[in-house]
Amino acid sequence: MDTVLDRLNELEKKVRDTLAELAQVREERESLRSKLHALQGDLKAREQEVTALRSERERETAEATRLRTEREEVRAKVEGLLEEIARLESAVQGTAT
């Protein structure tokens, strides 16, 4: 009889240990799910940030291109004006001598 009771007690202990382990695993699973959801939220926020930064970079690149083009146009106009001034000075000096 003792052996049957011992076996039952041993079996009961194993069942309790297994249930305790199962409860712990469930808690860990829920904790991991929470962390996963938080990480997914962070990832989504960072993806949106990357998209915004890319858009900003594209705008800034377009602005830089526009400014370079404008600078070249202004440079060409200034060079043209300097050439015109040089011609006028040359003409004035030619008539003055």
N, C-alpha and C. Protein backbone atom coordinates (compact mmCIF):
# COMPACT_ATOMS: atom_id res chain seq x y z
N MET A 1 0.80 -1.20 0.00
CA MET A 1 0.00 0.00 0.00
C MET A 1 0.84 1.26 0.00
N ASP A 2 1.90 1.17 0.79
CA ASP A 2 2.77 2.34 0.86
C ASP A 2 3.35 2.68 -0.50
N THR A 3 3.65 1.69 -1.25
CA THR A 3 4.24 1.95 -2.55
C THR A 3 3.24 2.61 -3.50
N VAL A 4 1.98 2.23 -3.41
CA VAL A 4 0.95 2.86 -4.25
C VAL A 4 0.77 4.30 -3.80
N LEU A 5 0.71 4.53 -2.49
CA LEU A 5 0.57 5.91 -1.99
C LEU A 5 1.81 6.72 -2.32
N ASP A 6 2.96 6.10 -2.23
CA ASP A 6 4.19 6.81 -2.59
C ASP A 6 4.18 7.19 -4.07
N ARG A 7 3.75 6.27 -4.89
CA ARG A 7 3.67 6.54 -6.32
C ARG A 7 2.66 7.64 -6.61
N LEU A 8 1.53 7.58 -5.93
CA LEU A 8 0.51 8.63 -6.12
C LEU A 8 1.04 9.99 -5.66
N ASN A 9 1.71 10.01 -4.54
CA ASN A 9 2.29 11.26 -4.04
C ASN A 9 3.35 11.79 -5.01
N GLU A 10 4.15 10.89 -5.51
CA GLU A 10 5.18 11.28 -6.47
C GLU A 10 4.54 11.80 -7.76
N LEU A 11 3.51 11.12 -8.21
CA LEU A 11 2.79 11.55 -9.40
C LEU A 11 2.12 12.91 -9.17
N GLU A 12 1.52 13.08 -8.01
CA GLU A 12 0.88 14.36 -7.67
C GLU A 12 1.91 15.48 -7.65
N LYS A 13 3.08 15.22 -7.11
CA LYS A 13 4.16 16.22 -7.09
C LYS A 13 4.57 16.59 -8.51
N LYS A 14 4.71 15.59 -9.35
CA LYS A 14 5.09 15.84 -10.74
C LYS A 14 4.03 16.66 -11.46
N VAL A 15 2.77 16.37 -11.19
CA VAL A 15 1.68 17.13 -11.81
C VAL A 15 1.72 18.57 -11.34
N ARG A 16 1.91 18.78 -10.04
CA ARG A 16 2.00 20.15 -9.50
C ARG A 16 3.19 20.90 -10.09
N ASP A 17 4.35 20.22 -10.17
CA ASP A 17 5.53 20.84 -10.76
C ASP A 17 5.28 21.21 -12.22
N THR A 18 4.63 20.30 -12.93
CA THR A 18 4.32 20.56 -14.34
C THR A 18 3.36 21.73 -14.48
N LEU A 19 2.34 21.80 -13.63
CA LEU A 19 1.38 22.92 -13.67
C LEU A 19 2.07 24.23 -13.33
N ALA A 20 2.97 24.20 -12.35
CA ALA A 20 3.70 25.41 -11.98
C ALA A 20 4.58 25.87 -13.15
N GLU A 21 5.23 24.92 -13.78
CA GLU A 21 6.08 25.24 -14.94
C GLU A 21 5.24 25.78 -16.08
N LEU A 22 4.07 25.19 -16.30
CA LEU A 22 3.17 25.66 -17.34
C LEU A 22 2.73 27.09 -17.07
N ALA A 23 2.39 27.38 -15.82
CA ALA A 23 1.99 28.74 -15.46
C ALA A 23 3.12 29.73 -15.71
N GLN A 24 4.34 29.34 -15.37
CA GLN A 24 5.50 30.20 -15.58
C GLN A 24 5.73 30.44 -17.07
N VAL A 25 5.59 29.40 -17.86
CA VAL A 25 5.79 29.53 -19.31
C VAL A 25 4.72 30.45 -19.90
N ARG A 26 3.51 30.34 -19.41
CA ARG A 26 2.43 31.21 -19.91
C ARG A 26 2.72 32.67 -19.58
N GLU A 27 3.20 32.91 -18.37
CA GLU A 27 3.55 34.29 -17.99
C GLU A 27 4.68 34.83 -18.87
N GLU A 28 5.67 33.99 -19.11
CA GLU A 28 6.78 34.40 -19.98
C GLU A 28 6.30 34.68 -21.38
N ARG A 29 5.38 33.85 -21.87
CA ARG A 29 4.82 34.05 -23.21
C ARG A 29 4.09 35.39 -23.29
N GLU A 30 3.29 35.69 -22.29
CA GLU A 30 2.57 36.97 -22.29
C GLU A 30 3.54 38.15 -22.21
N SER A 31 4.57 37.98 -21.41
CA SER A 31 5.59 39.04 -21.32
C SER A 31 6.27 39.25 -22.66
N LEU A 32 6.60 38.15 -23.32
CA LEU A 32 7.23 38.25 -24.63
C LEU A 32 6.28 38.86 -25.67
N ARG A 33 5.01 38.52 -25.58
CA ARG A 33 4.03 39.13 -26.51
C ARG A 33 3.97 40.64 -26.30
N SER A 34 3.96 41.06 -25.05
CA SER A 34 3.94 42.49 -24.76
C SER A 34 5.18 43.18 -25.32
N LYS A 35 6.33 42.55 -25.10
CA LYS A 35 7.57 43.13 -25.65
C LYS A 35 7.53 43.17 -27.16
N LEU A 36 6.99 42.12 -27.77
CA LEU A 36 6.88 42.08 -29.23
C LEU A 36 6.01 43.21 -29.74
N HIS A 37 4.87 43.43 -29.10
CA HIS A 37 3.97 44.52 -29.53
C HIS A 37 4.66 45.87 -29.37
N ALA A 38 5.38 46.05 -28.28
CA ALA A 38 6.11 47.31 -28.07
C ALA A 38 7.17 47.50 -29.15
N LEU A 39 7.90 46.45 -29.46
CA LEU A 39 8.93 46.54 -30.49
C LEU A 39 8.33 46.80 -31.86
N GLN A 40 7.18 46.19 -32.14
CA GLN A 40 6.52 46.43 -33.42
C GLN A 40 6.08 47.89 -33.52
N GLY A 41 5.61 48.44 -32.40
CA GLY A 41 5.23 49.85 -32.39
C GLY A 41 6.44 50.75 -32.62
N ASP A 42 7.55 50.42 -31.97
CA ASP A 42 8.79 51.19 -32.17
C ASP A 42 9.24 51.10 -33.62
N LEU A 43 9.17 49.91 -34.18
CA LEU A 43 9.59 49.72 -35.56
C LEU A 43 8.73 50.56 -36.51
N LYS A 44 7.43 50.56 -36.29
CA LYS A 44 6.53 51.34 -37.14
C LYS A 44 6.85 52.83 -37.04
N ALA A 45 7.10 53.29 -35.80
CA ALA A 45 7.43 54.70 -35.60
C ALA A 45 8.74 55.06 -36.31
N ARG A 46 9.71 54.17 -36.23
CA ARG A 46 10.99 54.44 -36.89
C ARG A 46 10.86 54.39 -38.40
N GLU A 47 10.02 53.50 -38.90
CA GLU A 47 9.80 53.45 -40.35
C GLU A 47 9.17 54.76 -40.83
N GLN A 48 8.24 55.28 -40.05
CA GLN A 48 7.61 56.56 -40.40
C GLN A 48 8.64 57.69 -40.35
N GLU A 49 9.51 57.63 -39.35
CA GLU A 49 10.56 58.64 -39.23
C GLU A 49 11.51 58.58 -40.42
N VAL A 50 11.87 57.37 -40.83
CA VAL A 50 12.75 57.20 -42.00
C VAL A 50 12.08 57.76 -43.25
N THR A 51 10.80 57.48 -43.40
CA THR A 51 10.07 58.00 -44.56
C THR A 51 10.06 59.52 -44.56
N ALA A 52 9.82 60.10 -43.39
CA ALA A 52 9.81 61.57 -43.28
C ALA A 52 11.19 62.13 -43.59
N LEU A 53 12.24 61.49 -43.09
CA LEU A 53 13.60 61.97 -43.34
C LEU A 53 13.96 61.85 -44.82
N ARG A 54 13.51 60.78 -45.46
CA ARG A 54 13.78 60.65 -46.90
C ARG A 54 13.09 61.75 -47.68
N SER A 55 11.85 62.04 -47.32
CA SER A 55 11.12 63.11 -48.00
C SER A 55 11.83 64.45 -47.80
N GLU A 56 12.26 64.69 -46.58
CA GLU A 56 12.97 65.94 -46.29
C GLU A 56 14.27 66.02 -47.09
N ARG A 57 14.98 64.90 -47.17
CA ARG A 57 16.23 64.88 -47.93
C ARG A 57 15.97 65.16 -49.41
N GLU A 58 14.90 64.59 -49.94
CA GLU A 58 14.56 64.84 -51.34
C GLU A 58 14.23 66.31 -51.57
N ARG A 59 13.48 66.91 -50.63
CA ARG A 59 13.16 68.35 -50.75
C ARG A 59 14.44 69.18 -50.70
N GLU A 60 15.32 68.84 -49.76
CA GLU A 60 16.56 69.61 -49.63
C GLU A 60 17.46 69.43 -50.84
N THR A 61 17.48 68.25 -51.41
CA THR A 61 18.28 68.02 -52.62
C THR A 61 17.73 68.85 -53.77
N ALA A 62 16.42 68.87 -53.90
CA ALA A 62 15.80 69.67 -54.96
C ALA A 62 16.09 71.16 -54.74
N GLU A 63 16.03 71.60 -53.49
CA GLU A 63 16.31 73.00 -53.17
C GLU A 63 17.77 73.33 -53.49
N ALA A 64 18.68 72.43 -53.14
CA ALA A 64 20.10 72.66 -53.42
C ALA A 64 20.34 72.73 -54.93
N THR A 65 19.68 71.88 -55.69
CA THR A 65 19.82 71.90 -57.15
C THR A 65 19.29 73.22 -57.71
N ARG A 66 18.14 73.64 -57.19
CA ARG A 66 17.57 74.91 -57.65
C ARG A 66 18.50 76.07 -57.34
N LEU A 67 19.08 76.07 -56.14
CA LEU A 67 19.98 77.15 -55.75
C LEU A 67 21.26 77.15 -56.58
N ARG A 68 21.78 75.96 -56.89
CA ARG A 68 22.97 75.90 -57.75
C ARG A 68 22.68 76.47 -59.13
N THR A 69 21.52 76.10 -59.66
CA THR A 69 21.13 76.61 -60.98
C THR A 69 20.99 78.12 -60.94
N GLU A 70 20.34 78.61 -59.89
CA GLU A 70 20.16 80.06 -59.73
C GLU A 70 21.51 80.75 -59.60
N ARG A 71 22.43 80.16 -58.86
CA ARG A 71 23.76 80.75 -58.68
C ARG A 71 24.48 80.84 -60.02
N GLU A 72 24.38 79.79 -60.83
CA GLU A 72 25.03 79.80 -62.14
C GLU A 72 24.41 80.88 -63.03
N GLU A 73 23.10 81.06 -62.94
CA GLU A 73 22.45 82.10 -63.74
C GLU A 73 22.92 83.48 -63.31
N VAL A 74 23.00 83.69 -62.00
CA VAL A 74 23.46 84.99 -61.48
C VAL A 74 24.91 85.21 -61.88
N ARG A 75 25.73 84.15 -61.78
CA ARG A 75 27.14 84.27 -62.16
C ARG A 75 27.26 84.66 -63.63
N ALA A 76 26.47 84.03 -64.48
CA ALA A 76 26.51 84.34 -65.91
C ALA A 76 26.10 85.79 -66.15
N LYS A 77 25.07 86.27 -65.45
CA LYS A 77 24.62 87.66 -65.61
C LYS A 77 25.70 88.63 -65.14
N VAL A 78 26.33 88.31 -64.01
CA VAL A 78 27.38 89.20 -63.48
C VAL A 78 28.56 89.23 -64.45
N GLU A 79 28.94 88.07 -64.97
CA GLU A 79 30.04 88.03 -65.93
C GLU A 79 29.69 88.84 -67.18
N GLY A 80 28.43 88.73 -67.62
CA GLY A 80 27.98 89.52 -68.77
C GLY A 80 28.05 91.01 -68.47
N LEU A 81 27.61 91.39 -67.27
CA LEU A 81 27.68 92.81 -66.89
C LEU A 81 29.12 93.28 -66.80
N LEU A 82 30.00 92.45 -66.25
CA LEU A 82 31.42 92.83 -66.16
C LEU A 82 32.04 93.00 -67.54
N GLU A 83 31.66 92.11 -68.46
CA GLU A 83 32.15 92.25 -69.84
C GLU A 83 31.63 93.54 -70.47
N GLU A 84 30.38 93.85 -70.22
CA GLU A 84 29.79 95.08 -70.77
C GLU A 84 30.48 96.31 -70.18
N ILE A 85 30.75 96.26 -68.87
CA ILE A 85 31.45 97.37 -68.22
C ILE A 85 32.85 97.52 -68.81
N ALA A 86 33.52 96.39 -69.04
CA ALA A 86 34.86 96.44 -69.62
C ALA A 86 34.83 97.03 -71.02
N ARG A 87 33.82 96.68 -71.81
CA ARG A 87 33.69 97.24 -73.16
C ARG A 87 33.43 98.74 -73.09
N LEU A 88 32.55 99.15 -72.16
CA LEU A 88 32.25 100.57 -72.02
C LEU A 88 33.49 101.35 -71.58
N GLU A 89 34.24 100.77 -70.63
CA GLU A 89 35.47 101.44 -70.18
C GLU A 89 36.47 101.56 -71.33
N SER A 90 36.54 100.48 -72.11
CA SER A 90 37.45 100.48 -73.25
C SER A 90 37.02 101.55 -74.27
N ALA A 91 35.71 101.63 -74.49
CA ALA A 91 35.21 102.62 -75.43
C ALA A 91 35.43 104.03 -74.91
N VAL A 92 35.23 104.24 -73.62
CA VAL A 92 35.44 105.56 -73.03
C VAL A 92 36.93 105.94 -73.10
N GLN A 93 37.81 105.00 -72.81
CA GLN A 93 39.23 105.26 -72.86
C GLN A 93 39.69 105.50 -74.31
N GLY A 94 39.06 104.82 -75.23
CA GLY A 94 39.42 105.00 -76.64
C GLY A 94 39.00 106.36 -77.15
N THR A 95 37.91 106.89 -76.70
CA THR A 95 37.47 108.20 -77.14
C THR A 95 38.16 109.30 -76.36
N ALA A 96 38.67 108.98 -75.18
CA ALA A 96 39.33 109.97 -74.35
C ALA A 96 40.77 110.20 -74.81
N THR A 97 41.37 109.25 -75.44
CA THR A 97 42.76 109.43 -75.87
C THR A 97 42.92 109.97 -77.23
